[in-house]
Protein backbone atom coordinates (compact mmCIF):
# COMPACT_ATOMS: atom_id res chain seq x y z
CA MET A 1 -19.33 -90.32 109.23
CA THR A 2 -16.53 -92.47 107.94
CA ARG A 3 -13.51 -93.82 109.76
CA GLY A 4 -11.22 -92.00 107.32
CA ARG A 5 -13.16 -88.95 107.46
CA ARG A 6 -13.20 -88.91 111.52
CA GLN A 7 -9.12 -89.31 111.51
CA ARG A 8 -8.74 -86.25 109.19
CA ARG A 9 -10.56 -84.31 111.00
CA LEU A 10 -8.50 -85.38 114.30
CA LEU A 11 -4.97 -84.82 112.23
CA PRO A 12 -5.19 -80.85 112.77
CA THR A 13 -6.42 -81.50 116.53
CA LEU A 14 -3.49 -83.55 117.10
CA SER A 15 -1.00 -81.20 115.41
CA ARG A 16 -2.03 -77.96 116.83
CA ILE A 17 -1.90 -79.84 120.05
CA VAL A 18 1.63 -80.88 120.14
CA LEU A 19 2.44 -77.93 118.77
CA ALA A 20 0.70 -75.69 121.74
CA CYS A 21 2.71 -78.89 124.06
CA ALA A 22 5.82 -78.43 122.43
CA LEU A 23 5.84 -73.87 122.66
CA LEU A 24 4.20 -74.86 126.22
CA LEU A 25 7.88 -76.80 127.17
CA MET A 26 9.49 -74.02 125.43
CA ALA A 27 8.24 -71.67 127.14
CA GLY A 28 9.02 -73.72 130.94
CA HIS A 29 12.16 -73.82 129.59
CA ALA A 30 13.31 -69.83 128.96
CA LEU A 31 11.08 -69.56 131.87
CA TRP A 32 13.84 -72.25 133.50
CA GLY A 33 16.69 -70.34 132.62
CA LEU A 34 15.89 -66.84 132.95
CA LEU A 35 14.83 -68.08 137.22
CA THR A 36 16.94 -70.33 137.84
CA PRO A 37 20.98 -69.20 138.61
CA VAL A 38 23.52 -71.21 136.53
CA GLY A 39 25.90 -71.26 139.34
CA GLY A 40 29.53 -72.28 139.68
CA SER A 41 31.30 -68.90 138.56
CA ALA A 42 32.66 -66.09 140.86
CA PRO A 43 31.79 -62.67 140.27
CA GLN A 44 32.40 -60.92 137.09
CA ILE A 45 32.87 -57.28 135.78
CA VAL A 46 30.84 -56.69 132.88
CA THR A 47 30.88 -54.15 131.09
CA ILE A 48 28.47 -52.19 128.69
CA GLU A 49 29.72 -49.35 126.73
CA PRO A 50 27.30 -46.63 125.26
CA GLY A 51 25.29 -47.06 122.46
CA GLU A 52 25.50 -51.45 122.81
CA SER A 53 22.52 -53.66 122.14
CA VAL A 54 20.41 -55.26 124.43
CA ALA A 55 21.35 -58.41 121.97
CA GLN A 56 24.87 -57.75 122.37
CA VAL A 57 25.04 -56.96 126.04
CA CYS A 58 23.00 -60.77 126.62
CA ALA A 59 25.60 -62.56 123.92
CA ALA A 60 28.43 -61.01 126.02
CA LEU A 61 27.02 -62.51 129.20
CA ALA A 62 26.22 -65.84 127.64
CA GLU A 63 30.01 -66.20 126.57
CA LYS A 64 30.85 -65.05 130.04
CA GLY A 65 28.67 -68.25 131.50
CA LEU A 66 26.25 -66.31 133.16
CA ILE A 67 23.28 -66.88 131.89
CA ARG A 68 21.91 -69.66 129.74
CA SER A 69 19.90 -68.35 127.02
CA PRO A 70 20.74 -64.46 125.39
CA THR A 71 17.74 -65.04 123.12
CA ALA A 72 15.71 -65.60 126.14
CA LEU A 73 17.24 -62.85 128.81
CA THR A 74 16.65 -60.59 124.84
CA LEU A 75 12.86 -61.14 124.86
CA ALA A 76 12.57 -60.50 127.93
CA ALA A 77 13.97 -57.30 128.55
CA TYR A 78 12.06 -56.11 125.58
CA GLY A 79 9.13 -57.44 126.89
CA THR A 80 8.91 -55.66 130.16
CA GLY A 81 10.68 -52.73 128.91
CA MET A 82 13.63 -53.11 130.73
CA TRP A 83 15.88 -52.42 127.60
CA ARG A 84 15.45 -49.02 127.75
CA SER A 85 16.86 -48.70 131.32
CA LEU A 86 20.28 -50.59 130.68
CA GLN A 87 23.09 -48.48 131.81
CA ALA A 88 26.39 -48.00 130.79
CA GLY A 89 29.29 -48.62 132.70
CA ARG A 90 30.81 -51.56 135.02
CA HIS A 91 28.41 -54.32 136.77
CA GLU A 92 29.72 -56.63 138.88
CA LEU A 93 27.67 -60.15 138.55
CA ASP A 94 27.67 -63.96 139.09
CA ALA A 95 26.29 -67.00 138.14
CA SER A 96 24.42 -67.39 141.28
CA MET A 97 22.07 -64.85 140.57
CA THR A 98 19.06 -65.44 137.92
CA ALA A 99 18.93 -64.25 134.28
CA MET A 100 16.34 -61.88 135.45
CA GLU A 101 17.96 -60.31 138.22
CA MET A 102 21.16 -59.59 136.05
CA LEU A 103 18.79 -57.98 134.06
CA GLN A 104 17.73 -55.79 137.61
CA ALA A 105 21.35 -54.84 137.68
CA LEU A 106 22.04 -53.82 134.95
CA CYS A 107 19.56 -51.05 134.79
CA ARG A 108 20.72 -49.89 138.10
CA ASN A 109 23.49 -47.70 138.32
CA SER A 110 26.83 -48.68 137.30
CA ARG A 111 29.11 -49.91 139.93
CA GLN A 112 32.26 -48.04 138.43
CA VAL A 113 31.52 -44.19 136.66
CA TRP A 114 33.91 -43.68 133.68
CA GLU A 115 36.85 -41.02 134.06
CA TRP A 116 37.67 -39.06 131.00
CA VAL A 117 41.09 -37.18 130.21
CA THR A 118 41.81 -35.20 127.91
CA ILE A 119 45.25 -34.53 126.00
CA PRO A 120 45.66 -31.83 124.45
CA GLU A 121 47.79 -30.88 121.54
CA GLY A 122 51.61 -29.62 122.40
CA PHE A 123 51.50 -30.98 125.57
CA THR A 124 54.63 -32.98 127.02
CA LEU A 125 55.14 -36.38 128.35
CA ARG A 126 55.06 -34.69 132.08
CA GLN A 127 52.21 -32.89 131.16
CA ILE A 128 50.57 -35.77 130.26
CA ALA A 129 51.62 -37.76 133.33
CA ALA A 130 50.33 -34.87 135.48
CA ALA A 131 46.67 -35.02 133.92
CA VAL A 132 46.60 -38.37 133.75
CA ALA A 133 47.18 -38.69 137.60
CA GLU A 134 44.56 -36.25 138.29
CA THR A 135 42.35 -39.35 137.22
CA GLY A 136 43.65 -41.55 139.85
CA ALA A 137 44.55 -44.31 137.27
CA ALA A 138 48.33 -43.73 137.82
CA THR A 139 50.65 -41.87 139.48
CA ALA A 140 52.91 -38.85 137.47
CA PRO A 141 56.32 -41.19 138.03
CA ALA A 142 54.47 -44.30 137.57
CA PHE A 143 53.61 -42.99 133.92
CA ALA A 144 56.78 -41.51 133.55
CA ARG A 145 58.44 -44.67 133.52
CA GLU A 146 56.19 -46.99 131.89
CA ALA A 147 56.69 -44.26 129.28
CA THR A 148 60.41 -45.14 128.92
CA ARG A 149 60.33 -48.79 128.33
CA PRO A 150 58.49 -48.66 124.62
CA ALA A 151 59.13 -52.65 124.29
CA LEU A 152 56.67 -53.05 126.70
CA PHE A 153 54.10 -52.05 123.81
CA ASP A 154 52.91 -54.62 121.15
CA ILE A 155 51.96 -52.08 118.35
CA SER A 156 52.33 -52.04 114.24
CA PHE A 157 54.45 -49.00 113.64
CA PRO A 158 58.03 -48.59 115.10
CA LEU A 159 58.49 -47.11 118.10
CA PRO A 160 61.77 -45.39 119.76
CA PRO A 161 63.80 -46.85 122.43
CA ASP A 162 64.12 -44.75 125.06
CA SER A 163 60.70 -42.88 125.23
CA LEU A 164 57.76 -41.80 124.13
CA GLU A 165 57.31 -38.52 124.05
CA GLY A 166 55.28 -37.75 120.98
CA TYR A 167 53.97 -40.86 120.34
CA LEU A 168 51.18 -40.27 122.74
CA PHE A 169 48.30 -39.22 120.75
CA PRO A 170 46.77 -35.58 122.10
CA ASP A 171 42.65 -36.94 122.37
CA THR A 172 39.94 -37.34 124.80
CA TYR A 173 40.42 -41.12 126.34
CA ARG A 174 37.77 -42.83 128.96
CA LEU A 175 39.47 -44.80 131.40
CA ASP A 176 38.21 -47.16 134.17
CA ALA A 177 39.04 -48.66 137.58
CA GLU A 178 40.94 -50.77 135.81
CA SER A 179 42.95 -48.34 134.12
CA ASN A 180 46.95 -48.25 134.71
CA ALA A 181 49.40 -46.36 133.45
CA ARG A 182 50.15 -48.94 130.89
CA THR A 183 46.92 -49.87 129.98
CA VAL A 184 46.70 -45.80 129.00
CA ILE A 185 49.52 -45.46 127.74
CA ALA A 186 48.77 -48.90 125.16
CA GLN A 187 45.35 -46.46 124.28
CA MET A 188 47.34 -43.77 123.06
CA LEU A 189 49.49 -45.53 121.18
CA ARG A 190 46.59 -47.53 119.55
CA ARG A 191 44.84 -43.89 119.08
CA PHE A 192 48.06 -42.95 117.32
CA GLN A 193 48.53 -45.99 114.99
CA GLU A 194 44.89 -45.33 113.85
CA VAL A 195 44.99 -41.87 113.20
CA VAL A 196 48.97 -41.42 111.81
CA TRP A 197 50.50 -44.92 110.70
CA ARG A 198 47.54 -46.16 109.64
CA GLY A 199 45.26 -42.96 108.74
CA LEU A 200 48.23 -40.26 107.70
CA LEU A 201 51.00 -43.21 106.42
CA GLY A 202 48.95 -46.39 104.86
CA GLU A 203 51.13 -48.38 107.45
CA ARG A 204 54.61 -47.78 105.69
CA GLU A 205 57.73 -45.36 106.29
CA PRO A 206 57.01 -41.47 104.64
CA GLU A 207 58.09 -42.20 101.38
CA ASP A 208 60.82 -39.13 100.95
CA GLY A 209 63.39 -41.08 102.97
CA ARG A 210 62.41 -39.71 106.08
CA SER A 211 61.81 -42.42 109.22
CA LEU A 212 58.52 -42.07 111.25
CA HIS A 213 60.35 -40.79 113.94
CA GLU A 214 61.79 -37.84 111.82
CA VAL A 215 58.34 -36.87 110.97
CA VAL A 216 57.02 -37.14 114.26
CA ILE A 217 59.96 -34.84 115.81
CA LEU A 218 59.51 -32.36 113.16
CA ALA A 219 55.80 -32.14 113.70
CA SER A 220 56.40 -31.36 117.22
CA LEU A 221 58.60 -28.68 116.61
CA ILE A 222 55.29 -27.22 114.51
CA GLU A 223 53.22 -28.27 117.62
CA GLY A 224 55.22 -25.59 119.07
CA GLU A 225 55.74 -23.34 116.63
CA ALA A 226 52.90 -22.89 115.18
CA LYS A 227 48.76 -21.07 116.28
CA VAL A 228 46.87 -20.32 113.45
CA ASP A 229 46.50 -23.90 111.71
CA GLU A 230 47.12 -22.30 108.26
CA GLU A 231 50.49 -21.44 108.43
CA ARG A 232 51.48 -24.95 109.70
CA PRO A 233 52.56 -26.07 106.61
CA VAL A 234 54.49 -23.17 105.62
CA ILE A 235 56.45 -23.42 108.82
CA ALA A 236 56.81 -26.77 107.71
CA GLY A 237 58.31 -25.85 104.75
CA VAL A 238 60.82 -22.79 106.33
CA LEU A 239 62.24 -25.43 108.49
CA MET A 240 62.85 -28.35 105.81
CA ASN A 241 64.44 -25.34 104.19
CA ARG A 242 66.72 -24.48 106.66
CA LEU A 243 67.35 -28.26 107.35
CA ARG A 244 68.09 -28.52 103.29
CA ARG A 245 70.91 -25.64 104.00
CA GLY A 246 72.54 -26.72 106.81
CA GLN A 247 71.69 -23.88 108.89
CA LYS A 248 69.99 -24.35 112.52
CA LEU A 249 66.56 -24.20 112.92
CA GLU A 250 66.40 -22.09 115.99
CA CYS A 251 62.70 -22.86 117.33
CA ASP A 252 62.07 -21.48 120.51
CA ALA A 253 59.67 -23.97 121.26
CA SER A 254 62.94 -26.33 121.49
CA VAL A 255 64.54 -24.05 124.29
CA GLN A 256 61.13 -23.89 126.04
CA TYR A 257 61.34 -28.06 125.86
CA ALA A 258 65.22 -27.86 126.70
CA LEU A 259 64.66 -25.12 130.05
CA GLY A 260 61.69 -28.12 131.23
CA GLU A 261 59.62 -27.37 134.00
CA GLY A 262 61.67 -23.60 133.87
CA ARG A 263 59.53 -22.81 130.69
CA LYS A 264 59.22 -18.68 130.46
CA ASN A 265 56.32 -16.54 128.97
CA ARG A 266 59.05 -14.79 126.74
CA LEU A 267 62.61 -16.21 126.41
CA LEU A 268 65.92 -14.29 126.76
CA TYR A 269 69.34 -13.74 124.96
CA GLU A 270 70.66 -15.89 128.00
CA ASP A 271 68.18 -18.78 127.89
CA LEU A 272 68.88 -19.09 124.22
CA GLN A 273 72.52 -20.17 124.92
CA ILE A 274 71.74 -22.97 127.83
CA GLU A 275 73.23 -26.01 127.20
CA SER A 276 71.56 -28.73 125.49
CA ASP A 277 70.82 -31.44 122.89
CA TYR A 278 67.26 -30.06 122.07
CA ASN A 279 68.25 -26.31 121.65
CA THR A 280 68.26 -25.75 118.07
CA TYR A 281 69.72 -22.56 118.36
CA LEU A 282 72.76 -24.56 119.28
CA HIS A 283 72.26 -27.27 117.55
CA GLU A 284 72.29 -28.11 113.50
CA GLY A 285 69.46 -30.75 112.41
CA LEU A 286 66.53 -32.02 114.32
CA PRO A 287 66.58 -32.50 117.84
CA PRO A 288 67.12 -35.90 119.44
CA GLY A 289 63.19 -36.47 120.07
CA PRO A 290 59.97 -35.07 119.40
CA ILE A 291 59.04 -32.08 122.00
CA CYS A 292 55.98 -32.49 122.45
CA SER A 293 52.84 -34.99 121.43
CA PRO A 294 51.90 -33.04 118.14
CA GLY A 295 48.40 -33.16 117.00
CA GLU A 296 46.88 -34.35 113.42
CA SER A 297 47.09 -31.13 111.79
CA SER A 298 50.82 -30.47 112.55
CA LEU A 299 51.48 -34.56 111.43
CA ARG A 300 49.88 -33.66 108.07
CA ALA A 301 51.71 -30.80 107.92
CA ALA A 302 55.57 -32.47 108.74
CA LEU A 303 54.12 -34.97 105.92
CA ALA A 304 53.69 -32.49 103.43
CA PRO A 305 55.56 -28.74 103.98
CA ALA A 306 53.98 -26.14 101.92
CA ARG A 307 57.02 -25.20 99.24
CA THR A 308 57.70 -22.16 100.18
CA PRO A 309 60.81 -19.41 99.55
CA TYR A 310 60.82 -18.52 103.35
CA LEU A 311 63.53 -19.50 105.47
CA TYR A 312 62.69 -16.79 108.66
CA TYR A 313 59.46 -16.16 110.96
CA VAL A 314 58.81 -14.35 113.78
CA ALA A 315 55.98 -14.56 115.44
CA ARG A 316 53.34 -11.39 115.78
CA ALA A 317 51.14 -10.79 119.38
CA ASP A 318 48.44 -12.91 118.28
CA GLY A 319 50.27 -15.30 117.54
CA SER A 320 50.64 -15.74 113.82
CA HIS A 321 53.85 -15.27 112.03
CA VAL A 322 55.47 -12.66 109.25
CA PHE A 323 57.69 -14.65 107.29
CA SER A 324 61.03 -13.41 105.58
CA ARG A 325 62.74 -14.89 102.93
CA THR A 326 66.58 -13.44 103.48
CA TYR A 327 68.11 -11.96 106.72
CA ARG A 328 67.62 -8.70 106.15
CA GLU A 329 63.79 -8.97 105.26
CA HIS A 330 63.85 -10.96 109.07
CA LEU A 331 65.43 -8.33 110.84
CA ALA A 332 63.21 -5.97 109.52
CA ALA A 333 60.30 -7.87 110.73
CA VAL A 334 61.32 -8.46 113.83
CA ALA A 335 61.89 -4.94 114.57
CA ALA A 336 58.31 -4.05 113.03
CA VAL A 337 56.51 -6.92 115.26
CA ARG A 338 58.84 -5.30 118.16
CA ALA A 339 57.59 -1.52 117.64
CA ALA A 340 53.77 -2.88 117.36
CA ARG A 341 54.20 -4.71 120.45
CA GLU A 342 55.37 -1.40 122.24
CA ARG A 343 52.76 0.42 120.83
CA GLU A 344 50.43 -1.87 122.28
CA ARG A 345 51.95 -1.65 125.84
CA GLN A 346 50.87 1.94 126.01
């Protein structure tokens, strides 16, 4: 066998040896990275969001300086099957732990259980503060105090100067141990920004000349008056008709807001005489601010009121309304509704 032929046979063998050595070195380096702590950092809170992938979690650990190789840890998670056991939530980790120890910790129950708070449509600021207080994220007074300081919040849409009543969007929110009054309010404002300012308005004031604040006030009145979704645009149309004619709005919901904690199941004539800027039986035009947090349906109705000839409405026992064009028709409708209620009581 010639020397040249022997050399040609040796080259593939050497290549395989070099490749094997390189793979061994890479595997050794990866194993060293998995089993040797990074060291030198204080404990950190790592949050795994529901549905987050293993690769995303490992990348987040690397960004925090807790592990050396997100790729190696991702492969280890899949190779050991531990990826199936990752727990969403908050975990306390520090760089004195090895990457594999961190992976094991992320598979145990999270150190912090999520808290959830649901804010129904039509809740007032006072009711929202009470609901948040039940989660332990903040006391009701602290929440109410922060909600009277709109300038603290960096939001892209215009906020009123004195109160966030009406702008804390009704939805279900997830809270954690770091949540407080300010962070919860910021969540709610960001949701308003997403649904209303960007979604409904396209990040601009209404095109009909009204301000965002006027729309939110009207929507809050609709939210307080309407119980049937299909009637919201009609009620919006009635209120707009009355505003154009200079008639008082005469919304029971605004009187209930003026009563504060003294709300009643049924208003009496004397309640309609309570002196308040929010009493639309005494004062013309919109009240000075929203009376609750309106939902998306009421906001849509406020932005696009139905074209209707009606100027009056009265609520039936089931929450639906009878709409009337004239005051005479309205009086007849009120009498009919009262008679129906009397028959139900008998």
